[in-house]
Protein backbone atom coordinates (compact mmCIF):
# COMPACT_ATOMS: atom_id res chain seq x y z
CA MET A 1 -11.79 0.53 -12.23
CA ARG A 2 -10.88 1.68 -8.73
CA TYR A 3 -7.62 3.45 -7.93
CA GLU A 4 -5.65 3.32 -4.69
CA ILE A 5 -2.78 5.76 -4.16
CA CYS A 6 0.15 4.88 -1.90
CA LEU A 7 1.31 8.04 -0.12
CA GLU A 8 2.89 9.54 2.97
CA SER A 9 1.13 12.71 4.11
CA ALA A 10 -2.19 14.42 4.73
CA ASP A 11 -1.39 16.86 1.92
CA ASP A 12 -0.94 13.86 -0.37
CA VAL A 13 -4.39 12.60 0.72
CA ALA A 14 -5.87 15.92 -0.35
CA ALA A 15 -4.16 15.59 -3.74
CA ALA A 16 -5.53 12.06 -4.18
CA ALA A 17 -9.07 13.20 -3.34
CA GLU A 18 -8.79 16.13 -5.74
CA ALA A 19 -7.64 13.83 -8.55
CA GLY A 20 -10.58 11.46 -8.14
CA ALA A 21 -8.85 8.44 -6.61
CA ASP A 22 -11.00 6.04 -4.62
CA ARG A 23 -8.71 5.17 -1.74
CA VAL A 24 -5.28 5.80 -0.25
CA GLU A 25 -2.81 3.60 1.54
CA LEU A 26 -1.28 5.87 4.16
CA CYS A 27 2.32 5.00 5.02
CA ALA A 28 5.46 6.47 6.48
CA ALA A 29 8.94 5.78 5.06
CA LEU A 30 7.98 4.62 1.59
CA PHE A 31 11.71 4.34 0.90
CA GLU A 32 11.56 1.27 3.15
CA GLY A 33 8.40 -0.04 1.52
CA GLY A 34 6.12 1.71 3.99
CA ILE A 35 5.72 1.50 7.78
CA THR A 36 2.93 2.59 10.09
CA PRO A 37 2.47 6.37 10.21
CA SER A 38 2.04 8.30 13.45
CA HIS A 39 -1.29 8.68 15.24
CA GLY A 40 -1.25 12.37 14.44
CA MET A 41 -0.69 11.71 10.75
CA ILE A 42 -3.56 9.22 10.63
CA GLU A 43 -5.92 11.64 12.36
CA GLN A 44 -4.98 14.49 10.03
CA ALA A 45 -5.27 12.29 6.95
CA VAL A 46 -8.78 11.23 7.99
CA ALA A 47 -9.70 14.86 8.66
CA VAL A 48 -8.42 15.95 5.24
CA ALA A 49 -10.16 13.05 3.53
CA ALA A 50 -13.44 14.33 5.01
CA GLY A 51 -15.37 11.37 3.65
CA ARG A 52 -14.31 12.11 0.06
CA ILE A 53 -11.83 9.25 -0.12
CA LYS A 54 -11.14 6.11 1.92
CA VAL A 55 -8.06 6.04 4.14
CA HIS A 56 -6.36 2.68 4.71
CA VAL A 57 -3.35 2.55 7.03
CA ILE A 58 -0.43 0.19 6.68
CA ILE A 59 0.29 -1.80 9.84
CA ARG A 60 4.00 -2.56 9.64
CA PRO A 61 6.25 -1.76 12.60
CA ARG A 62 9.53 -1.63 10.67
CA GLY A 63 11.19 -2.17 7.33
CA GLY A 64 13.03 -5.31 6.37
CA ASP A 65 11.42 -8.74 6.36
CA PHE A 66 7.90 -9.72 7.42
CA ILE A 67 8.80 -12.07 10.28
CA TYR A 68 7.69 -10.46 13.51
CA SER A 69 8.59 -11.08 17.15
CA PRO A 70 5.92 -11.29 19.87
CA SER A 71 6.70 -7.69 20.86
CA GLU A 72 6.33 -6.51 17.27
CA ALA A 73 3.03 -8.38 17.02
CA GLU A 74 1.77 -6.46 20.04
CA VAL A 75 2.85 -3.21 18.42
CA MET A 76 0.83 -4.13 15.32
CA LEU A 77 -2.28 -4.90 17.39
CA ARG A 78 -1.96 -1.58 19.20
CA ASP A 79 -1.43 0.26 15.91
CA ILE A 80 -4.64 -1.27 14.56
CA GLU A 81 -6.52 0.10 17.56
CA THR A 82 -4.90 3.48 16.98
CA ALA A 83 -5.99 3.47 13.34
CA LYS A 84 -9.55 2.54 14.34
CA MET A 85 -9.72 5.28 16.97
CA ALA A 86 -8.36 7.80 14.47
CA GLY A 87 -11.22 7.03 12.07
CA ALA A 88 -9.40 5.06 9.36
CA ASP A 89 -11.53 3.08 6.93
CA GLY A 90 -9.19 0.12 6.67
CA VAL A 91 -5.82 -1.39 7.46
CA VAL A 92 -3.17 -3.13 5.40
CA ILE A 93 -1.50 -6.12 7.08
CA GLY A 94 0.79 -9.06 6.38
CA ALA A 95 3.25 -11.40 8.07
CA LEU A 96 5.28 -14.46 7.12
CA THR A 97 6.86 -17.37 8.96
CA PRO A 98 10.62 -18.02 8.77
CA ASP A 99 9.78 -20.64 6.11
CA ALA A 100 8.29 -17.91 3.89
CA GLU A 101 4.71 -19.06 4.39
CA ILE A 102 1.80 -16.87 5.44
CA ASP A 103 1.83 -16.47 9.22
CA THR A 104 -1.84 -17.40 9.52
CA GLU A 105 -1.81 -17.34 13.32
CA LEU A 106 -0.60 -13.76 13.61
CA CYS A 107 -2.49 -12.52 10.56
CA GLY A 108 -5.68 -14.08 11.90
CA ARG A 109 -5.28 -12.11 15.11
CA LEU A 110 -4.68 -8.91 13.15
CA VAL A 111 -7.80 -9.44 11.03
CA VAL A 112 -9.97 -10.06 14.10
CA ALA A 113 -8.57 -6.91 15.74
CA ALA A 114 -9.18 -4.87 12.59
CA ARG A 115 -12.81 -5.70 11.98
CA PRO A 116 -15.18 -4.11 11.08
CA LEU A 117 -12.61 -2.11 9.06
CA SER A 118 -11.65 -3.22 5.57
CA VAL A 119 -8.51 -5.38 5.51
CA THR A 120 -5.93 -5.70 2.73
CA PHE A 121 -3.06 -8.21 2.73
CA HIS A 122 0.04 -6.42 1.49
CA ARG A 123 3.02 -7.39 -0.66
CA ALA A 124 4.52 -9.71 1.95
CA PHE A 125 2.66 -12.13 -0.34
CA ASP A 126 5.21 -11.45 -3.08
CA VAL A 127 8.07 -12.98 -1.11
CA ALA A 128 6.18 -16.08 0.01
CA ARG A 129 7.76 -19.36 -1.06
CA ASP A 130 4.70 -20.75 -2.89
CA PRO A 131 2.37 -18.04 -4.25
CA GLU A 132 -0.42 -20.47 -5.11
CA ALA A 133 -0.53 -21.93 -1.59
CA ALA A 134 -0.08 -18.48 -0.05
CA PHE A 135 -3.05 -17.21 -2.06
CA GLU A 136 -5.38 -19.80 -0.53
CA ASP A 137 -4.03 -18.98 2.94
CA VAL A 138 -4.74 -15.28 2.38
CA ILE A 139 -8.28 -16.04 1.21
CA ALA A 140 -8.83 -18.26 4.26
CA LEU A 141 -7.99 -15.28 6.49
CA GLY A 142 -11.13 -13.58 5.19
CA VAL A 143 -9.40 -10.37 4.07
CA ASP A 144 -11.02 -8.14 1.46
CA ARG A 145 -8.16 -7.77 -1.01
CA LEU A 146 -4.64 -8.81 -1.87
CA LEU A 147 -2.00 -6.31 -2.96
CA THR A 148 0.54 -7.97 -5.24
CA SER A 149 3.10 -7.51 -7.99
CA GLY A 150 2.63 -11.13 -8.97
CA ALA A 151 5.76 -12.22 -7.05
CA ALA A 152 7.83 -10.16 -9.49
CA PRO A 153 9.70 -6.84 -9.36
CA SER A 154 6.74 -5.10 -11.01
CA ALA A 155 3.08 -5.80 -11.75
CA LEU A 156 3.78 -5.83 -15.47
CA GLU A 157 6.43 -8.51 -15.03
CA GLY A 158 4.11 -10.47 -12.74
CA ALA A 159 1.00 -9.99 -14.89
CA ASP A 160 0.64 -13.67 -15.78
CA LEU A 161 0.48 -14.75 -12.13
CA ILE A 162 -1.82 -11.85 -11.24
CA ALA A 163 -4.18 -12.88 -14.05
CA ARG A 164 -4.24 -16.45 -12.72
CA LEU A 165 -4.99 -15.17 -9.22
CA VAL A 166 -7.81 -12.97 -10.52
CA ASP A 167 -9.34 -16.06 -12.16
CA LYS A 168 -8.80 -18.23 -9.08
CA ALA A 169 -10.30 -15.59 -6.80
CA ALA A 170 -13.74 -16.20 -8.28
CA GLY A 171 -15.22 -13.39 -6.25
CA ARG A 172 -13.67 -14.55 -2.97
CA ILE A 173 -11.15 -11.70 -2.78
CA ILE A 174 -10.12 -8.61 -4.76
CA VAL A 175 -6.70 -8.93 -6.39
CA MET A 176 -5.09 -5.49 -6.72
CA PRO A 177 -1.92 -5.16 -8.85
CA ALA A 178 0.89 -2.97 -7.50
CA GLY A 179 4.50 -2.22 -8.33
CA GLY A 180 5.82 -0.06 -11.14
CA ILE A 181 2.37 1.09 -12.30
CA ASN A 182 2.64 4.44 -14.05
CA GLU A 183 1.58 6.27 -17.19
CA ARG A 184 3.44 3.78 -19.39
CA THR A 185 2.31 0.56 -17.76
CA ALA A 186 -1.17 1.13 -16.28
CA ALA A 187 -3.17 0.17 -19.36
CA ARG A 188 -1.08 -2.95 -20.03
CA VAL A 189 -1.33 -4.13 -16.42
CA ALA A 190 -5.10 -3.64 -16.43
CA GLU A 191 -5.50 -5.42 -19.77
CA GLN A 192 -3.16 -8.32 -19.04
CA THR A 193 -4.42 -9.05 -15.50
CA GLY A 194 -8.15 -8.39 -15.74
CA ALA A 195 -7.93 -6.65 -12.36
CA ARG A 196 -10.52 -4.05 -11.41
CA GLU A 197 -8.38 -2.13 -8.92
CA LEU A 198 -4.90 -0.62 -9.35
CA HIS A 199 -2.45 0.56 -6.67
CA PHE A 200 0.32 3.04 -7.43
CA THR A 201 2.31 6.00 -6.20
CA ALA A 202 1.99 9.25 -8.11
CA SER A 203 4.72 11.39 -6.64
CA GLU A 204 7.04 14.01 -8.01
CA ALA A 205 10.16 15.60 -6.55
CA VAL A 206 9.69 19.22 -5.45
CA ARG A 207 12.33 21.67 -4.31
CA SER A 208 12.64 22.28 -0.59
CA LYS A 209 11.39 25.67 0.63
CA SER A 210 14.47 26.06 2.80
CA ARG A 211 16.53 29.13 1.89
CA PHE A 212 19.61 27.62 3.55
CA GLN A 213 20.90 24.31 2.27
CA PRO A 214 24.30 23.23 3.64
CA ALA A 215 26.24 20.87 1.42
CA GLY A 216 27.19 17.34 2.38
CA ILE A 217 24.69 16.79 5.23
CA TYR A 218 22.20 13.92 4.88
CA MET A 219 19.56 12.44 7.18
CA GLY A 220 19.09 9.23 5.17
CA GLY A 221 21.08 6.03 4.97
CA ALA A 222 23.84 4.92 2.64
CA LEU A 223 22.07 6.11 -0.51
CA TYR A 224 21.92 9.65 0.86
CA PRO A 225 18.68 11.01 -0.62
CA PRO A 226 19.08 14.77 -1.12
CA GLU A 227 17.75 17.09 1.57
CA THR A 228 17.05 19.77 -1.06
CA THR A 229 14.03 18.01 -2.53
CA ARG A 230 11.13 15.93 -1.27
CA SER A 231 8.57 13.65 -2.85
CA VAL A 232 4.91 14.72 -2.96
CA THR A 233 1.81 13.19 -4.51
CA THR A 234 0.28 15.44 -7.17
CA PRO A 235 -3.23 15.46 -8.64
CA GLY A 236 -1.80 15.86 -12.13
CA ARG A 237 0.30 12.71 -11.84
CA ILE A 238 -2.65 10.72 -10.46
CA ARG A 239 -4.91 11.88 -13.28
CA ALA A 240 -2.24 11.07 -15.84
CA ILE A 241 -1.95 7.48 -14.63
CA ILE A 242 -5.73 7.05 -14.37
CA ASP A 243 -6.18 8.43 -17.88
CA ALA A 244 -3.36 6.23 -19.17
CA SER A 245 -5.08 3.12 -17.80
CA GLY A 246 -7.92 3.76 -20.25
CA LEU A 247 -10.40 2.51 -17.65
CA SER A 248 -11.36 5.63 -15.71
CA GLY A 249 -15.07 4.94 -16.03
């Protein structure tokens, strides 16, 4: 079993490497589902990884849907070049048409721009209209793996579809479950899907180091996440989920 950790910082990359993970998906703004991190963050993450762990970078210019304008497509192409120059091992891409089908034209351009890096198609797949048809479109793009919750809120809830996709893949693509995988669900997702890679976050809230914390001031949106704590990836949490999967060998 291989383990990919979804995370936001170079310090988190160090934690993932220490815990024995195989790969990270480097993102910014995980609260929005992940967008492309800065050039500086990618460079530092690669430096911290130091060849111990693979660094894949999400290529997503904003939160929200996966329907991109021509200008946003150009941003994505430039971000791929940035990730390549920074030394990333792979990129994570995805785009849909307004009819909720895979945008094969744009995604094809992104794949060509990304090579020879590894390419993963992300969970845009999970909001496609027809998962079975979308799966064949993703395979036709020639990407290396598909990240999916099985078109469900979590990988456990989507396990039946994921298992079917694993069977249909027949070695053509790696199907990697994601969504709600933790110490309680990892083993069941692995067993029910037959997947050989798992993707999860392994973060914990830690208290801010600030000695001054004014009340009632927030930098986030309507949900107002507290400024007194932040989320960090921890080796202990990663190891706990890996051990819970029962497939660490």
